[in-house]
Amino acid sequence: MPTRFVGIRLLLIFVGINLVMFLMLVMSMTSAHPWLAGVLPGKFETGVNSSGYWVFFALVLLVDAVTVLIAGLAMMVPSMLDSAAADERRLTRHLVDRGGVSEDAKDAILLALREEAVAAHYQLVVGRTILFAGALFLVFAFAMVSHSFARALPDGSLYAKASGPVLNSTVTATDIERYTIDQVAAATVLNAPEIYGVHFSTLTNNVQNPLYSHFVFAVRTVLGFVLVLMIISFLRRWERPNREKKTIEAVEALVAEEKT
């Protein structure tokens, strides 16, 4: 499927998910008894101090971040699996000195393979860009979810220090920002900060709160996976294939030069 059609479908899915969640929010805010209050923690009142609605907004950001990551994977993985570049080199050597195939047919085959390789590289670059944007989006959503749940559950303990659990009401936005930096660093550099004792925050996840601990583990796993996949994509196809038509005469000359 052409890249533009894949992009349009992914965009429609993204818009559809946000539309559904927006309608859910409107239904809750216009109801006499907001149904979100039975699902999410926090207060559901009017005004900016309604911590429950901030939790909902943070979850919307999280869903959007996951959607962008899936879109990046849908664009990137097929192009990484595409072996057009390798097939071009292999087929070129098969075509050299092959009887029964006209020169025009050989040139047409090489040109088609080159166009396919260029298209696959373009899709890889687009997918890589979307995936990187999704990773940044996920980091922002992680910080928002952590902050909003801490505000919605002031008597809870999502975090802990060396001295023990910490009340959410005592955790500031700056603390959560530094905690987020710690998690990103641990996910992207193989937990090196923990090994060498480098920390941006004194907070850790409270293991007595398994739900939040699972959430932290999931985010770190996704970020690490995205980093590994992007490294593989650079190793798989770093340079953009040349769009210039490669004639069979040029190929024969190159093969002859390699033999000498």
C-alpha atoms as a PDB file:
ATOM      1  CA  MET A   1       0.000   0.000   0.000  1.00  0.00           C
ATOM      2  CA  PRO A   2       1.390   3.474  -0.884  1.00  0.00           C
ATOM      3  CA  THR A   3       2.769   5.471   2.019  1.00  0.00           C
ATOM      4  CA  ARG A   4       0.257   8.285   1.612  1.00  0.00           C
ATOM      5  CA  PHE A   5      -2.690   5.908   2.024  1.00  0.00           C
ATOM      6  CA  VAL A   6      -1.143   4.337   5.109  1.00  0.00           C
ATOM      7  CA  GLY A   7      -0.607   7.826   6.568  1.00  0.00           C
ATOM      8  CA  ILE A   8      -4.212   8.810   5.865  1.00  0.00           C
ATOM      9  CA  ARG A   9      -5.553   5.685   7.563  1.00  0.00           C
ATOM     10  CA  LEU A  10      -3.376   6.215  10.622  1.00  0.00           C
ATOM     11  CA  LEU A  11      -4.451   9.854  10.805  1.00  0.00           C
ATOM     12  CA  LEU A  12      -8.118   8.848  10.637  1.00  0.00           C
ATOM     13  CA  ILE A  13      -7.589   6.343  13.454  1.00  0.00           C
ATOM     14  CA  PHE A  14      -5.883   9.021  15.556  1.00  0.00           C
ATOM     15  CA  VAL A  15      -8.719  11.499  14.965  1.00  0.00           C
ATOM     16  CA  GLY A  16     -11.317   8.812  15.677  1.00  0.00           C
ATOM     17  CA  ILE A  17      -9.795   7.870  19.031  1.00  0.00           C
ATOM     18  CA  ASN A  18      -9.620  11.515  20.123  1.00  0.00           C
ATOM     19  CA  LEU A  19     -13.204  12.113  18.991  1.00  0.00           C
ATOM     20  CA  VAL A  20     -14.476   9.176  21.041  1.00  0.00           C
ATOM     21  CA  MET A  21     -12.626  10.336  24.155  1.00  0.00           C
ATOM     22  CA  PHE A  22     -13.823  13.907  23.653  1.00  0.00           C
ATOM     23  CA  LEU A  23     -17.417  12.677  23.475  1.00  0.00           C
ATOM     24  CA  MET A  24     -16.860  10.682  26.657  1.00  0.00           C
ATOM     25  CA  LEU A  25     -15.665  13.848  28.391  1.00  0.00           C
ATOM     26  CA  VAL A  26     -18.624  15.904  27.163  1.00  0.00           C
ATOM     27  CA  MET A  27     -21.114  13.254  28.312  1.00  0.00           C
ATOM     28  CA  SER A  28     -19.538  13.203  31.747  1.00  0.00           C
ATOM     29  CA  MET A  29     -19.378  16.996  32.135  1.00  0.00           C
ATOM     30  CA  THR A  30     -22.988  17.515  31.027  1.00  0.00           C
ATOM     31  CA  SER A  31     -24.330  14.780  33.306  1.00  0.00           C
ATOM     32  CA  ALA A  32     -25.779  15.560  36.712  1.00  0.00           C
ATOM     33  CA  HIS A  33     -23.634  12.799  38.141  1.00  0.00           C
ATOM     34  CA  PRO A  34     -20.371  12.553  36.128  1.00  0.00           C
ATOM     35  CA  TRP A  35     -19.869   8.886  35.300  1.00  0.00           C
ATOM     36  CA  LEU A  36     -16.108   9.389  35.171  1.00  0.00           C
ATOM     37  CA  ALA A  37     -16.204   9.826  38.952  1.00  0.00           C
ATOM     38  CA  GLY A  38     -16.994   6.125  39.251  1.00  0.00           C
ATOM     39  CA  VAL A  39     -14.004   5.165  37.097  1.00  0.00           C
ATOM     40  CA  LEU A  40     -11.223   7.651  37.793  1.00  0.00           C
ATOM     41  CA  PRO A  41      -9.890   9.105  41.057  1.00  0.00           C
ATOM     42  CA  GLY A  42     -10.080  12.778  41.975  1.00  0.00           C
ATOM     43  CA  LYS A  43     -12.711  15.481  42.156  1.00  0.00           C
ATOM     44  CA  PHE A  44     -15.083  16.164  39.264  1.00  0.00           C
ATOM     45  CA  GLU A  45     -16.224  19.727  39.758  1.00  0.00           C
ATOM     46  CA  THR A  46     -16.256  22.780  37.539  1.00  0.00           C
ATOM     47  CA  GLY A  47     -13.087  24.788  37.133  1.00  0.00           C
ATOM     48  CA  VAL A  48      -9.418  24.033  36.731  1.00  0.00           C
ATOM     49  CA  ASN A  49      -9.142  22.469  40.195  1.00  0.00           C
ATOM     50  CA  SER A  50     -11.089  19.369  39.181  1.00  0.00           C
ATOM     51  CA  SER A  51      -8.320  16.826  39.635  1.00  0.00           C
ATOM     52  CA  GLY A  52     -10.397  14.029  38.149  1.00  0.00           C
ATOM     53  CA  TYR A  53     -10.662  15.744  34.770  1.00  0.00           C
ATOM     54  CA  TRP A  54      -6.914  16.361  34.769  1.00  0.00           C
ATOM     55  CA  VAL A  55      -6.477  12.617  35.225  1.00  0.00           C
ATOM     56  CA  PHE A  56      -8.714  12.074  32.201  1.00  0.00           C
ATOM     57  CA  PHE A  57      -6.744  14.566  30.112  1.00  0.00           C
ATOM     58  CA  ALA A  58      -3.487  12.839  31.090  1.00  0.00           C
ATOM     59  CA  LEU A  59      -4.901   9.465  30.052  1.00  0.00           C
ATOM     60  CA  VAL A  60      -5.965  10.975  26.720  1.00  0.00           C
ATOM     61  CA  LEU A  61      -2.367  12.107  26.182  1.00  0.00           C
ATOM     62  CA  LEU A  62      -1.169   8.608  27.057  1.00  0.00           C
ATOM     63  CA  VAL A  63      -3.558   6.995  24.566  1.00  0.00           C
ATOM     64  CA  ASP A  64      -2.473   9.505  21.906  1.00  0.00           C
ATOM     65  CA  ALA A  65       1.192   8.728  22.576  1.00  0.00           C
ATOM     66  CA  VAL A  66       0.583   4.990  22.222  1.00  0.00           C
ATOM     67  CA  THR A  67      -1.367   5.629  19.008  1.00  0.00           C
ATOM     68  CA  VAL A  68       1.511   7.646  17.540  1.00  0.00           C
ATOM     69  CA  LEU A  69       3.969   4.903  18.480  1.00  0.00           C
ATOM     70  CA  ILE A  70       1.814   2.276  16.787  1.00  0.00           C
ATOM     71  CA  ALA A  71       1.590   4.507  13.702  1.00  0.00           C
ATOM     72  CA  GLY A  72       5.376   4.816  13.627  1.00  0.00           C
ATOM     73  CA  LEU A  73       5.778   1.050  13.917  1.00  0.00           C
ATOM     74  CA  ALA A  74       3.234   0.476  11.149  1.00  0.00           C
ATOM     75  CA  MET A  75       5.266   2.720   8.859  1.00  0.00           C
ATOM     76  CA  MET A  76       8.733   1.651   9.921  1.00  0.00           C
ATOM     77  CA  VAL A  77       8.701  -2.123  10.410  1.00  0.00           C
ATOM     78  CA  PRO A  78       7.501  -3.078   6.883  1.00  0.00           C
ATOM     79  CA  SER A  79      10.193  -0.899   5.312  1.00  0.00           C
ATOM     80  CA  MET A  80      12.841  -2.476   7.550  1.00  0.00           C
ATOM     81  CA  LEU A  81      11.743  -5.937   6.453  1.00  0.00           C
ATOM     82  CA  ASP A  82      11.791  -4.924   2.809  1.00  0.00           C
ATOM     83  CA  SER A  83      14.805  -6.534   1.149  1.00  0.00           C
ATOM     84  CA  ALA A  84      14.680  -4.563  -2.110  1.00  0.00           C
ATOM     85  CA  ALA A  85      18.237  -3.236  -1.711  1.00  0.00           C
ATOM     86  CA  ALA A  86      19.705  -6.706  -1.159  1.00  0.00           C
ATOM     87  CA  ASP A  87      17.590  -8.172  -3.955  1.00  0.00           C
ATOM     88  CA  GLU A  88      18.875  -5.487  -6.310  1.00  0.00           C
ATOM     89  CA  ARG A  89      22.484  -6.486  -5.811  1.00  0.00           C
ATOM     90  CA  ARG A  90      21.727 -10.192  -6.070  1.00  0.00           C
ATOM     91  CA  LEU A  91      19.522  -9.898  -9.114  1.00  0.00           C
ATOM     92  CA  THR A  92      21.988  -7.598 -10.845  1.00  0.00           C
ATOM     93  CA  ARG A  93      24.667 -10.282 -10.782  1.00  0.00           C
ATOM     94  CA  HIS A  94      22.198 -12.867 -12.075  1.00  0.00           C
ATOM     95  CA  LEU A  95      21.289 -10.645 -14.998  1.00  0.00           C
ATOM     96  CA  VAL A  96      24.877 -10.073 -16.091  1.00  0.00           C
ATOM     97  CA  ASP A  97      25.786 -12.336 -19.031  1.00  0.00           C
ATOM     98  CA  ARG A  98      22.329 -13.909 -18.848  1.00  0.00           C
ATOM     99  CA  GLY A  99      21.098 -14.914 -22.280  1.00  0.00           C
ATOM    100  CA  GLY A 100      17.499 -14.720 -23.425  1.00  0.00           C
ATOM    101  CA  VAL A 101      16.813 -11.422 -21.624  1.00  0.00           C
ATOM    102  CA  SER A 102      16.991  -8.214 -23.632  1.00  0.00           C
ATOM    103  CA  GLU A 103      19.019  -5.257 -22.469  1.00  0.00           C
ATOM    104  CA  ASP A 104      15.876  -3.132 -22.182  1.00  0.00           C
ATOM    105  CA  ALA A 105      14.218  -5.734 -19.976  1.00  0.00           C
ATOM    106  CA  LYS A 106      17.281  -5.885 -17.736  1.00  0.00           C
ATOM    107  CA  ASP A 107      17.340  -2.094 -17.421  1.00  0.00           C
ATOM    108  CA  ALA A 108      13.609  -2.017 -16.638  1.00  0.00           C
ATOM    109  CA  ILE A 109      14.031  -4.612 -13.886  1.00  0.00           C
ATOM    110  CA  LEU A 110      16.907  -2.689 -12.298  1.00  0.00           C
ATOM    111  CA  LEU A 111      15.002   0.572 -12.492  1.00  0.00           C
ATOM    112  CA  ALA A 112      11.917  -0.961 -10.856  1.00  0.00           C
ATOM    113  CA  LEU A 113      14.015  -2.369  -8.034  1.00  0.00           C
ATOM    114  CA  ARG A 114      15.710   0.992  -7.525  1.00  0.00           C
ATOM    115  CA  GLU A 115      12.366   2.816  -7.339  1.00  0.00           C
ATOM    116  CA  GLU A 116      11.128   0.265  -4.810  1.00  0.00           C
ATOM    117  CA  ALA A 117      14.245   0.717  -2.691  1.00  0.00           C
ATOM    118  CA  VAL A 118      13.832   4.512  -2.738  1.00  0.00           C
ATOM    119  CA  ALA A 119      10.173   4.229  -1.704  1.00  0.00           C
ATOM    120  CA  ALA A 120      11.060   1.831   1.126  1.00  0.00           C
ATOM    121  CA  HIS A 121      13.760   4.202   2.380  1.00  0.00           C
ATOM    122  CA  TYR A 122      11.347   7.138   2.332  1.00  0.00           C
ATOM    123  CA  GLN A 123       8.790   5.127   4.315  1.00  0.00           C
ATOM    124  CA  LEU A 124      11.515   4.167   6.792  1.00  0.00           C
ATOM    125  CA  VAL A 125      12.482   7.808   7.343  1.00  0.00           C
ATOM    126  CA  VAL A 126       8.842   8.837   7.845  1.00  0.00           C
ATOM    127  CA  GLY A 127       8.215   5.959  10.235  1.00  0.00           C
ATOM    128  CA  ARG A 128      11.386   6.723  12.169  1.00  0.00           C
ATOM    129  CA  THR A 129      10.332  10.364  12.558  1.00  0.00           C
ATOM    130  CA  ILE A 130       6.840   9.394  13.755  1.00  0.00           C
ATOM    131  CA  LEU A 131       8.303   6.844  16.166  1.00  0.00           C
ATOM    132  CA  PHE A 132      10.698   9.410  17.650  1.00  0.00           C
ATOM    133  CA  ALA A 133       7.847  11.912  18.045  1.00  0.00           C
ATOM    134  CA  GLY A 134       5.768   9.203  19.722  1.00  0.00           C
ATOM    135  CA  ALA A 135       8.586   8.497  22.181  1.00  0.00           C
ATOM    136  CA  LEU A 136       8.779  12.178  23.137  1.00  0.00           C
ATOM    137  CA  PHE A 137       4.990  12.246  23.398  1.00  0.00           C
ATOM    138  CA  LEU A 138       5.107   9.198  25.684  1.00  0.00           C
ATOM    139  CA  VAL A 139       7.623  10.866  28.013  1.00  0.00           C
ATOM    140  CA  PHE A 140       5.377  13.924  28.302  1.00  0.00           C
ATOM    141  CA  ALA A 141       2.300  11.741  28.865  1.00  0.00           C
ATOM    142  CA  PHE A 142       4.137   9.758  31.550  1.00  0.00           C
ATOM    143  CA  ALA A 143       4.926  12.939  33.464  1.00  0.00           C
ATOM    144  CA  MET A 144       1.334  14.175  33.098  1.00  0.00           C
ATOM    145  CA  VAL A 145      -0.167  10.872  34.277  1.00  0.00           C
ATOM    146  CA  SER A 146       2.196  10.767  37.254  1.00  0.00           C
ATOM    147  CA  HIS A 147       1.431  14.362  38.223  1.00  0.00           C
ATOM    148  CA  SER A 148      -2.334  14.129  37.752  1.00  0.00           C
ATOM    149  CA  PHE A 149      -2.681  10.899  39.756  1.00  0.00           C
ATOM    150  CA  ALA A 150      -0.534  12.334  42.539  1.00  0.00           C
ATOM    151  CA  ARG A 151      -2.890  15.338  42.737  1.00  0.00           C
ATOM    152  CA  ALA A 152      -6.009  13.160  42.520  1.00  0.00           C
ATOM    153  CA  LEU A 153      -4.788  10.831  45.287  1.00  0.00           C
ATOM    154  CA  PRO A 154      -3.208  13.196  47.854  1.00  0.00           C
ATOM    155  CA  ASP A 155      -3.339  10.599  50.637  1.00  0.00           C
ATOM    156  CA  GLY A 156      -1.785   7.864  48.522  1.00  0.00           C
ATOM    157  CA  SER A 157       1.866   6.971  48.057  1.00  0.00           C
ATOM    158  CA  LEU A 158       2.953   6.479  44.462  1.00  0.00           C
ATOM    159  CA  TYR A 159       6.554   7.229  45.386  1.00  0.00           C
ATOM    160  CA  ALA A 160       9.044   6.369  48.057  1.00  0.00           C
ATOM    161  CA  LYS A 161      12.411   7.553  49.343  1.00  0.00           C
ATOM    162  CA  ALA A 162      15.138   5.799  51.258  1.00  0.00           C
ATOM    163  CA  SER A 163      13.245   6.623  54.450  1.00  0.00           C
ATOM    164  CA  GLY A 164       9.998   5.053  53.234  1.00  0.00           C
ATOM    165  CA  PRO A 165       6.806   5.898  51.320  1.00  0.00           C
ATOM    166  CA  VAL A 166       6.074   9.535  50.490  1.00  0.00           C
ATOM    167  CA  LEU A 167       2.617  11.092  50.541  1.00  0.00           C
ATOM    168  CA  ASN A 168       1.496  12.296  47.130  1.00  0.00           C
ATOM    169  CA  SER A 169       0.465  15.638  48.611  1.00  0.00           C
ATOM    170  CA  THR A 170       4.117  16.403  49.389  1.00  0.00           C
ATOM    171  CA  VAL A 171       5.365  15.617  45.867  1.00  0.00           C
ATOM    172  CA  THR A 172       5.862  18.678  43.678  1.00  0.00           C
ATOM    173  CA  ALA A 173       5.802  19.036  39.903  1.00  0.00           C
ATOM    174  CA  THR A 174       9.590  19.510  39.941  1.00  0.00           C
ATOM    175  CA  ASP A 175       9.986  16.214  41.800  1.00  0.00           C
ATOM    176  CA  ILE A 176       7.961  14.431  39.123  1.00  0.00           C
ATOM    177  CA  GLU A 177       9.960  16.078  36.343  1.00  0.00           C
ATOM    178  CA  ARG A 178      13.211  14.857  37.863  1.00  0.00           C
ATOM    179  CA  TYR A 179      11.724  11.418  38.434  1.00  0.00           C
ATOM    180  CA  THR A 180      10.693  11.306  34.775  1.00  0.00           C
ATOM    181  CA  ILE A 181      14.246  12.192  33.714  1.00  0.00           C
ATOM    182  CA  ASP A 182      15.514   9.314  35.859  1.00  0.00           C
ATOM    183  CA  GLN A 183      13.171   6.858  34.156  1.00  0.00           C
ATOM    184  CA  VAL A 184      14.057   8.064  30.655  1.00  0.00           C
ATOM    185  CA  ALA A 185      17.773   7.832  31.423  1.00  0.00           C
ATOM    186  CA  ALA A 186      17.390   4.333  32.828  1.00  0.00           C
ATOM    187  CA  ALA A 187      15.384   3.211  29.804  1.00  0.00           C
ATOM    188  CA  THR A 188      17.712   4.598  27.150  1.00  0.00           C
ATOM    189  CA  VAL A 189      21.200   3.948  28.560  1.00  0.00           C
ATOM    190  CA  LEU A 190      20.769   0.418  29.923  1.00  0.00           C
ATOM    191  CA  ASN A 191      20.191   1.501  33.518  1.00  0.00           C
ATOM    192  CA  ALA A 192      23.665   3.052  33.682  1.00  0.00           C
ATOM    193  CA  PRO A 193      22.612   5.864  36.079  1.00  0.00           C
ATOM    194  CA  GLU A 194      21.523   3.261  38.636  1.00  0.00           C
ATOM    195  CA  ILE A 195      24.788   1.350  38.271  1.00  0.00           C
ATOM    196  CA  TYR A 196      26.967   4.440  38.736  1.00  0.00           C
ATOM    197  CA  GLY A 197      24.774   6.059  41.370  1.00  0.00           C
ATOM    198  CA  VAL A 198      23.713   9.030  39.246  1.00  0.00           C
ATOM    199  CA  HIS A 199      20.205  10.214  40.088  1.00  0.00           C
ATOM    200  CA  PHE A 200      18.250  13.337  39.229  1.00  0.00           C
ATOM    201  CA  SER A 201      15.570  12.626  41.826  1.00  0.00           C
ATOM    202  CA  THR A 202      15.434  11.147  45.298  1.00  0.00           C
ATOM    203  CA  LEU A 203      12.095   9.514  44.473  1.00  0.00           C
ATOM    204  CA  THR A 204      11.551   5.933  43.410  1.00  0.00           C
ATOM    205  CA  ASN A 205       8.343   4.100  42.647  1.00  0.00           C
ATOM    206  CA  ASN A 206       6.604   2.690  45.697  1.00  0.00           C
ATOM    207  CA  VAL A 207       6.665  -1.091  45.252  1.00  0.00           C
ATOM    208  CA  GLN A 208       3.674  -1.276  47.595  1.00  0.00           C
ATOM    209  CA  ASN A 209       1.692   0.323  44.760  1.00  0.00           C
ATOM    210  CA  PRO A 210       1.954  -2.404  42.081  1.00  0.00           C
ATOM    211  CA  LEU A 211      -0.292  -0.674  39.517  1.00  0.00           C
ATOM    212  CA  TYR A 212       1.926   2.387  39.249  1.00  0.00           C
ATOM    213  CA  SER A 213       5.064   0.228  39.352  1.00  0.00           C
ATOM    214  CA  HIS A 214       3.735  -1.799  36.395  1.00  0.00           C
ATOM    215  CA  PHE A 215       3.038   1.459  34.568  1.00  0.00           C
ATOM    216  CA  VAL A 216       6.611   2.686  35.127  1.00  0.00           C
ATOM    217  CA  PHE A 217       8.006  -0.656  33.959  1.00  0.00           C
ATOM    218  CA  ALA A 218       5.829  -0.599  30.823  1.00  0.00           C
ATOM    219  CA  VAL A 219       6.909   2.926  29.860  1.00  0.00           C
ATOM    220  CA  ARG A 220      10.591   2.125  30.382  1.00  0.00           C
ATOM    221  CA  THR A 221      10.229  -1.051  28.319  1.00  0.00           C
ATOM    222  CA  VAL A 222       8.564   0.801  25.447  1.00  0.00           C
ATOM    223  CA  LEU A 223      11.210   3.534  25.433  1.00  0.00           C
ATOM    224  CA  GLY A 224      14.000   0.967  25.427  1.00  0.00           C
ATOM    225  CA  PHE A 225      12.345  -0.963  22.604  1.00  0.00           C
ATOM    226  CA  VAL A 226      11.933   2.212  20.544  1.00  0.00           C
ATOM    227  CA  LEU A 227      15.614   3.073  21.009  1.00  0.00           C
ATOM    228  CA  VAL A 228      16.757  -0.414  19.935  1.00  0.00           C
ATOM    229  CA  LEU A 229      14.452  -0.367  16.926  1.00  0.00           C
ATOM    230  CA  MET A 230      15.720   3.018  15.779  1.00  0.00           C
ATOM    231  CA  ILE A 231      19.337   1.867  16.083  1.00  0.00           C
ATOM    232  CA  ILE A 232      18.523  -1.219  14.010  1.00  0.00           C
ATOM    233  CA  SER A 233      16.810   0.964  11.417  1.00  0.00           C
ATOM    234  CA  PHE A 234      19.958   3.082  11.015  1.00  0.00           C
ATOM    235  CA  LEU A 235      22.074  -0.044  10.652  1.00  0.00           C
ATOM    236  CA  ARG A 236      19.579  -1.587   8.246  1.00  0.00           C
ATOM    237  CA  ARG A 237      19.448   1.290   5.801  1.00  0.00           C
ATOM    238  CA  TRP A 238      21.483   4.388   6.580  1.00  0.00           C
ATOM    239  CA  GLU A 239      21.936   6.049   3.178  1.00  0.00           C
ATOM    240  CA  ARG A 240      19.178   6.968   0.793  1.00  0.00           C
ATOM    241  CA  PRO A 241      19.348   4.836  -2.381  1.00  0.00           C
ATOM    242  CA  ASN A 242      20.342   6.681  -5.528  1.00  0.00           C
ATOM    243  CA  ARG A 243      17.382   7.278  -7.796  1.00  0.00           C
ATOM    244  CA  GLU A 244      19.565   7.423 -10.900  1.00  0.00           C
ATOM    245  CA  LYS A 245      18.807   4.666 -13.405  1.00  0.00           C
ATOM    246  CA  LYS A 246      21.426   1.940 -13.300  1.00  0.00           C
ATOM    247  CA  THR A 247      22.013   0.464 -16.751  1.00  0.00           C
ATOM    248  CA  ILE A 248      23.131  -3.086 -17.352  1.00  0.00           C
ATOM    249  CA  GLU A 249      26.276  -1.774 -19.071  1.00  0.00           C
ATOM    250  CA  ALA A 250      27.304   0.052 -15.897  1.00  0.00           C
ATOM    251  CA  VAL A 251      26.662  -3.061 -13.860  1.00  0.00           C
ATOM    252  CA  GLU A 252      28.768  -5.193 -16.176  1.00  0.00           C
ATOM    253  CA  ALA A 253      31.617  -2.689 -15.947  1.00  0.00           C
ATOM    254  CA  LEU A 254      31.391  -2.739 -12.135  1.00  0.00           C
ATOM    255  CA  VAL A 255      31.422  -6.529 -12.014  1.00  0.00           C
ATOM    256  CA  ALA A 256      34.411  -6.652 -14.356  1.00  0.00           C
ATOM    257  CA  GLU A 257      36.257  -4.145 -12.169  1.00  0.00           C
ATOM    258  CA  GLU A 258      35.573  -6.198  -9.062  1.00  0.00           C
ATOM    259  CA  LYS A 259      36.949  -9.333 -10.765  1.00  0.00           C
ATOM    260  CA  THR A 260      40.192  -7.551 -11.582  1.00  0.00           C
END
